Amino acid sequence: MKEFLKTIIWVFLISFYFFQIRKVQAIVPYYYFPTKINLQKQSLYIGKNAYQLLYFGQYEDSLNLAKLAVKINGKDEKLWLILAEAQIANKQYENALNSLNKAEQINSNISEIYFAKSNIYLKISQQSKAKSALEKAIKIEPNNHNAIFRLGNILLMEKNYLGAIKLFDKSLKIKPDFWQAINNKGLAYYEKNKVNLSIKLFESAIAIEENAEPLLGLASCIKIQDNKLAIQLAKKALDKDPKYVNYDYRKEQLWGEKLQASTEILLQNEQLKKDVILAKSKISESS
């Protein structure tokens, strides 16, 4: 009988114990602690969303998400790159450089880091640093035609026309139909007073892409020997991209002083008066 009573008491105590556990679990909530892998996945997901917002022009929201992503996972260089792009879009250039330095510390073998740095240095008028950044990018990707082209553009800005032409040629060996490099060779040769060569280059660029820049460049080159065609080309250029009516905009596109002077004379032609007025009005409406 005593043994039976002992058994009953033990069953009661065990049942009471489990009942208390369930009771406590009902009061105290269950907390989920994410693993390191889950946190990394979440940060990448947030980073992708930040990049998408950047693409759609939602710069401030993109910046906030990118900041959150690197807070969760500060050891992924891709997230620092996304943050830097968002900071550039928000004109936070110093912060963007800091983010790119973080990315470089994690992985210094990513050309995009140096592309982004060169863009920032150009925006803040530090050409020598922009050039160094591009040279690093080219060491990583020696066949990157775009990086070589952009380095050529810096030499064009420095009025090192022969150096720029060599780099444009190097870029064209990799991508022969790269009309931008052909066009910029035309810009460089015009400043070297080789107008006939510029004409051929602008024509070659137009054959690949009928863009406003080589159209207006060619028009400025031939305005004396074929004024009628020059007017037609200029009209087409301003219709395609009205911004080329603006001296400062052309300067941003690396047009040299000699070609600028020739273009200003062309745009003063009476036959282009209406087109110039219309182009300026379109710029005003869009700003």
Protein backbone atom coordinates (compact mmCIF):
# COMPACT_ATOMS: atom_id res chain seq x y z
CA MET A 1 0.00 0.00 0.00
CA LYS A 2 2.85 2.37 0.86
CA GLU A 3 4.47 1.71 -2.53
CA PHE A 4 1.17 2.48 -4.28
CA LEU A 5 0.86 5.78 -2.41
CA LYS A 6 4.45 6.70 -3.32
CA THR A 7 3.69 6.08 -6.99
CA ILE A 8 0.57 8.25 -6.83
CA ILE A 9 2.54 11.09 -5.18
CA TRP A 10 5.34 10.92 -7.81
CA VAL A 11 2.83 11.01 -10.69
CA PHE A 12 1.15 14.02 -9.10
CA LEU A 13 4.45 15.87 -8.64
CA ILE A 14 5.61 15.20 -12.21
CA SER A 15 2.22 16.27 -13.63
CA PHE A 16 2.35 19.45 -11.54
CA TYR A 17 5.89 20.18 -12.78
CA PHE A 18 4.94 19.92 -16.45
CA PHE A 19 1.79 21.94 -15.83
CA GLN A 20 3.92 24.73 -14.33
CA ILE A 21 6.26 24.68 -17.34
CA ARG A 22 3.34 25.08 -19.75
CA LYS A 23 1.98 27.84 -17.56
CA VAL A 24 5.29 29.70 -17.62
CA GLN A 25 5.60 29.25 -21.39
CA ALA A 26 2.13 30.72 -21.79
CA ILE A 27 3.22 33.85 -19.90
CA VAL A 28 6.80 34.30 -21.22
CA PRO A 29 6.92 34.78 -25.04
CA TYR A 30 9.23 32.72 -27.26
CA TYR A 31 12.03 34.74 -28.86
CA TYR A 32 13.67 33.84 -32.20
CA PHE A 33 17.35 34.72 -32.46
CA PRO A 34 18.42 34.79 -36.13
CA THR A 35 21.61 33.06 -37.13
CA LYS A 36 24.56 34.82 -38.72
CA ILE A 37 23.65 33.32 -42.12
CA ASN A 38 20.07 34.58 -41.84
CA LEU A 39 21.29 38.06 -40.93
CA GLN A 40 23.59 38.09 -43.98
CA LYS A 41 20.74 37.00 -46.25
CA GLN A 42 18.49 39.70 -44.79
CA SER A 43 21.15 42.38 -45.28
CA LEU A 44 21.60 41.38 -48.94
CA TYR A 45 17.84 41.51 -49.46
CA ILE A 46 17.72 45.01 -47.95
CA GLY A 47 20.71 46.02 -50.08
CA LYS A 48 18.96 44.85 -53.25
CA ASN A 49 15.88 46.85 -52.31
CA ALA A 50 18.07 49.90 -51.72
CA TYR A 51 19.60 49.48 -55.17
CA GLN A 52 16.15 49.18 -56.78
CA LEU A 53 15.00 52.38 -55.07
CA LEU A 54 18.14 54.07 -56.36
CA TYR A 55 17.29 52.92 -59.89
CA PHE A 56 13.80 54.42 -59.59
CA GLY A 57 15.14 57.75 -58.32
CA GLN A 58 14.04 57.38 -54.69
CA TYR A 59 17.41 58.52 -53.43
CA GLU A 60 16.63 59.31 -49.79
CA ASP A 61 14.76 56.05 -49.18
CA SER A 62 17.56 54.17 -50.93
CA LEU A 63 20.13 55.80 -48.64
CA ASN A 64 18.20 54.85 -45.49
CA LEU A 65 17.89 51.21 -46.56
CA ALA A 66 21.56 51.01 -47.59
CA LYS A 67 22.59 52.36 -44.18
CA LEU A 68 20.47 49.68 -42.50
CA ALA A 69 22.02 46.96 -44.66
CA VAL A 70 25.60 47.83 -43.64
CA LYS A 71 24.56 48.09 -39.98
CA ILE A 72 23.32 44.51 -40.15
CA ASN A 73 26.31 43.29 -42.15
CA GLY A 74 29.33 45.55 -42.35
CA LYS A 75 31.59 42.86 -43.78
CA ASP A 76 30.12 42.70 -47.30
CA GLU A 77 31.84 45.03 -49.78
CA LYS A 78 28.83 44.92 -52.12
CA LEU A 79 26.65 46.58 -49.46
CA TRP A 80 29.24 49.33 -48.95
CA LEU A 81 29.25 49.88 -52.73
CA ILE A 82 25.45 50.22 -52.75
CA LEU A 83 25.64 52.65 -49.84
CA ALA A 84 28.29 54.67 -51.69
CA GLU A 85 26.09 54.88 -54.80
CA ALA A 86 23.16 56.06 -52.69
CA GLN A 87 25.40 58.65 -51.02
CA ILE A 88 26.63 59.87 -54.43
CA ALA A 89 23.01 60.20 -55.60
CA ASN A 90 22.33 62.30 -52.49
CA LYS A 91 25.51 64.35 -53.18
CA GLN A 92 27.19 63.13 -49.99
CA TYR A 93 30.56 62.78 -51.67
CA GLU A 94 32.82 62.62 -48.60
CA ASN A 95 30.58 59.97 -47.01
CA ALA A 96 30.62 58.03 -50.28
CA LEU A 97 34.43 58.05 -50.35
CA ASN A 98 34.46 56.72 -46.78
CA SER A 99 32.08 53.92 -47.78
CA LEU A 100 34.25 53.05 -50.78
CA ASN A 101 37.32 52.94 -48.53
CA LYS A 102 35.45 50.45 -46.33
CA ALA A 103 34.68 48.33 -49.40
CA GLU A 104 38.31 48.51 -50.49
CA GLN A 105 39.50 47.35 -47.05
CA ILE A 106 37.30 44.25 -47.38
CA ASN A 107 38.16 43.49 -51.01
CA SER A 108 40.61 45.65 -52.96
CA ASN A 109 40.23 43.62 -56.16
CA ILE A 110 36.90 45.08 -57.31
CA SER A 111 37.13 47.52 -60.21
CA GLU A 112 33.72 49.09 -59.44
CA ILE A 113 35.20 50.61 -56.27
CA TYR A 114 37.72 52.60 -58.29
CA PHE A 115 35.19 53.55 -60.98
CA ALA A 116 32.99 55.04 -58.28
CA LYS A 117 35.96 56.82 -56.69
CA SER A 118 36.98 58.34 -60.03
CA ASN A 119 33.43 59.65 -60.54
CA ILE A 120 33.46 61.35 -57.16
CA TYR A 121 36.92 62.85 -57.65
CA LEU A 122 35.81 64.29 -60.99
CA LYS A 123 32.72 65.79 -59.36
CA ILE A 124 34.86 67.50 -56.73
CA SER A 125 37.48 68.57 -59.31
CA GLN A 126 40.32 66.31 -58.19
CA GLN A 127 41.45 65.06 -61.60
CA SER A 128 44.76 63.53 -60.50
CA LYS A 129 43.00 61.35 -57.91
CA ALA A 130 40.37 60.42 -60.51
CA LYS A 131 43.13 59.37 -62.87
CA SER A 132 44.84 57.22 -60.18
CA ALA A 133 41.55 55.52 -59.34
CA LEU A 134 40.94 54.65 -63.01
CA GLU A 135 44.47 53.33 -63.39
CA LYS A 136 43.79 50.94 -60.49
CA ALA A 137 40.56 49.83 -62.15
CA ILE A 138 42.41 49.13 -65.42
CA LYS A 139 45.03 47.05 -63.59
CA ILE A 140 42.19 44.84 -62.37
CA GLU A 141 40.38 44.85 -65.74
CA PRO A 142 42.96 45.58 -68.46
CA ASN A 143 40.41 44.98 -71.24
CA ASN A 144 37.72 47.24 -69.87
CA HIS A 145 37.16 49.56 -72.84
CA ASN A 146 35.00 51.92 -70.79
CA ALA A 147 37.66 52.45 -68.11
CA ILE A 148 40.30 53.13 -70.77
CA PHE A 149 37.92 55.56 -72.48
CA ARG A 150 37.24 57.42 -69.25
CA LEU A 151 40.96 57.71 -68.56
CA GLY A 152 41.31 59.15 -72.07
CA ASN A 153 38.62 61.70 -71.20
CA ILE A 154 40.67 62.90 -68.24
CA LEU A 155 43.64 63.44 -70.54
CA LEU A 156 41.30 65.31 -72.89
CA MET A 157 40.33 67.57 -69.97
CA GLU A 158 44.03 68.14 -69.31
CA LYS A 159 44.49 69.07 -73.00
CA ASN A 160 46.83 66.13 -73.45
CA TYR A 161 45.26 65.44 -76.85
CA LEU A 162 47.79 62.93 -78.17
CA GLY A 163 47.67 60.94 -74.92
CA ALA A 164 43.86 60.96 -75.03
CA ILE A 165 43.84 59.78 -78.67
CA LYS A 166 46.13 56.84 -77.81
CA LEU A 167 43.76 55.72 -75.08
CA PHE A 168 40.71 56.12 -77.33
CA ASP A 169 42.49 53.96 -79.92
CA LYS A 170 43.23 51.36 -77.26
CA SER A 171 39.57 51.36 -76.26
CA LEU A 172 38.51 50.94 -79.89
CA LYS A 173 40.79 47.93 -80.36
CA ILE A 174 38.72 46.21 -77.68
CA LYS A 175 35.35 47.55 -78.90
CA PRO A 176 35.54 48.77 -82.52
CA ASP A 177 31.94 50.06 -82.61
CA PHE A 178 32.39 52.24 -79.52
CA TRP A 179 31.14 55.44 -81.14
CA GLN A 180 31.80 57.58 -78.06
CA ALA A 181 35.54 56.93 -78.36
CA ILE A 182 35.43 57.70 -82.11
CA ASN A 183 33.55 60.92 -81.36
CA ASN A 184 36.01 61.99 -78.68
CA LYS A 185 38.92 61.34 -81.02
CA GLY A 186 37.18 63.86 -83.28
CA LEU A 187 37.05 66.35 -80.40
CA ALA A 188 40.76 65.89 -79.72
CA TYR A 189 41.87 66.18 -83.36
CA TYR A 190 39.85 69.37 -83.84
CA GLU A 191 41.84 71.03 -81.05
CA LYS A 192 45.00 69.86 -82.89
CA ASN A 193 43.71 71.73 -85.99
CA LYS A 194 43.19 68.48 -87.91
CA VAL A 195 39.68 69.37 -89.03
CA ASN A 196 39.51 66.95 -91.97
CA LEU A 197 40.37 64.06 -89.67
CA SER A 198 37.71 65.25 -87.21
CA ILE A 199 35.15 65.27 -90.04
CA LYS A 200 35.91 61.62 -90.88
CA LEU A 201 35.69 60.62 -87.23
CA PHE A 202 32.38 62.40 -86.63
CA GLU A 203 30.99 60.76 -89.78
CA SER A 204 32.16 57.34 -88.54
CA ALA A 205 30.52 57.92 -85.16
CA ILE A 206 27.24 58.96 -86.83
CA ALA A 207 27.29 55.81 -88.98
CA ILE A 208 27.21 53.77 -85.76
CA GLU A 209 24.93 56.01 -83.69
CA GLU A 210 23.14 59.09 -85.02
CA ASN A 211 23.70 60.96 -81.78
CA ALA A 212 23.35 64.72 -81.28
CA GLU A 213 27.01 65.17 -80.31
CA PRO A 214 28.75 63.96 -83.49
CA LEU A 215 25.95 65.53 -85.57
CA LEU A 216 26.64 68.98 -84.13
CA GLY A 217 30.39 68.37 -84.14
CA LEU A 218 30.30 67.54 -87.84
CA ALA A 219 28.06 70.55 -88.55
CA SER A 220 30.60 72.84 -86.88
CA CYS A 221 33.43 71.31 -88.92
CA ILE A 222 31.78 71.77 -92.34
CA LYS A 223 29.93 75.05 -91.86
CA ILE A 224 32.25 76.87 -94.30
CA GLN A 225 32.55 74.34 -97.14
CA ASP A 226 28.92 73.08 -96.95
CA ASN A 227 26.74 75.52 -95.04
CA LYS A 228 23.46 73.92 -96.22
CA LEU A 229 24.39 70.48 -94.88
CA ALA A 230 25.80 72.04 -91.68
CA ILE A 231 22.43 73.72 -91.01
CA GLN A 232 20.57 70.43 -91.59
CA LEU A 233 22.89 68.54 -89.24
CA ALA A 234 22.64 71.23 -86.55
CA LYS A 235 18.82 71.22 -86.74
CA LYS A 236 18.79 67.44 -86.33
CA ALA A 237 21.24 67.61 -83.41
CA LEU A 238 19.23 70.22 -81.50
CA ASP A 239 16.03 68.27 -82.12
CA LYS A 240 17.60 65.08 -80.77
CA ASP A 241 19.15 66.73 -77.72
CA PRO A 242 18.36 70.42 -77.04
CA LYS A 243 21.00 70.57 -74.28
CA TYR A 244 23.72 70.86 -76.92
CA VAL A 245 22.61 74.43 -77.56
CA ASN A 246 24.19 75.27 -74.21
CA TYR A 247 27.90 76.20 -74.10
CA ASP A 248 28.37 74.91 -70.54
CA TYR A 249 26.73 71.59 -71.35
CA ARG A 250 29.05 71.08 -74.32
CA LYS A 251 31.97 71.92 -72.04
CA GLU A 252 30.80 69.15 -69.68
CA GLN A 253 30.96 66.83 -72.69
CA LEU A 254 34.64 67.85 -73.05
CA TRP A 255 34.34 70.09 -76.11
CA GLY A 256 37.52 72.11 -76.52
CA GLU A 257 37.77 75.87 -76.94
CA LYS A 258 38.29 75.79 -80.72
CA LEU A 259 35.28 73.60 -81.43
CA GLN A 260 33.20 75.61 -78.98
CA ALA A 261 34.06 78.84 -80.81
CA SER A 262 33.18 77.29 -84.16
CA THR A 263 29.86 75.98 -82.81
CA GLU A 264 28.90 79.34 -81.30
CA ILE A 265 29.37 80.94 -84.74
CA LEU A 266 27.25 78.21 -86.35
CA LEU A 267 24.41 78.62 -83.84
CA GLN A 268 24.24 82.35 -84.59
CA ASN A 269 23.21 81.57 -88.17
CA GLU A 270 19.85 83.17 -89.01
CA GLN A 271 18.56 79.84 -90.39
CA LEU A 272 19.01 78.27 -86.96
CA LYS A 273 17.43 81.09 -84.97
CA LYS A 274 14.09 79.33 -84.40
CA ASP A 275 15.78 76.02 -83.60
CA VAL A 276 18.05 77.66 -81.03
CA ILE A 277 15.10 79.44 -79.35
CA LEU A 278 13.09 76.21 -79.29
CA ALA A 279 16.02 74.22 -77.84
CA LYS A 280 16.52 76.79 -75.07
CA SER A 281 12.81 76.75 -74.25
CA LYS A 282 12.88 72.94 -73.97
CA ILE A 283 15.79 73.17 -71.54
CA SER A 284 13.90 75.71 -69.42
CA GLU A 285 10.78 73.52 -69.34
CA SER A 286 12.72 70.45 -68.22
CA SER A 287 14.68 72.25 -65.47
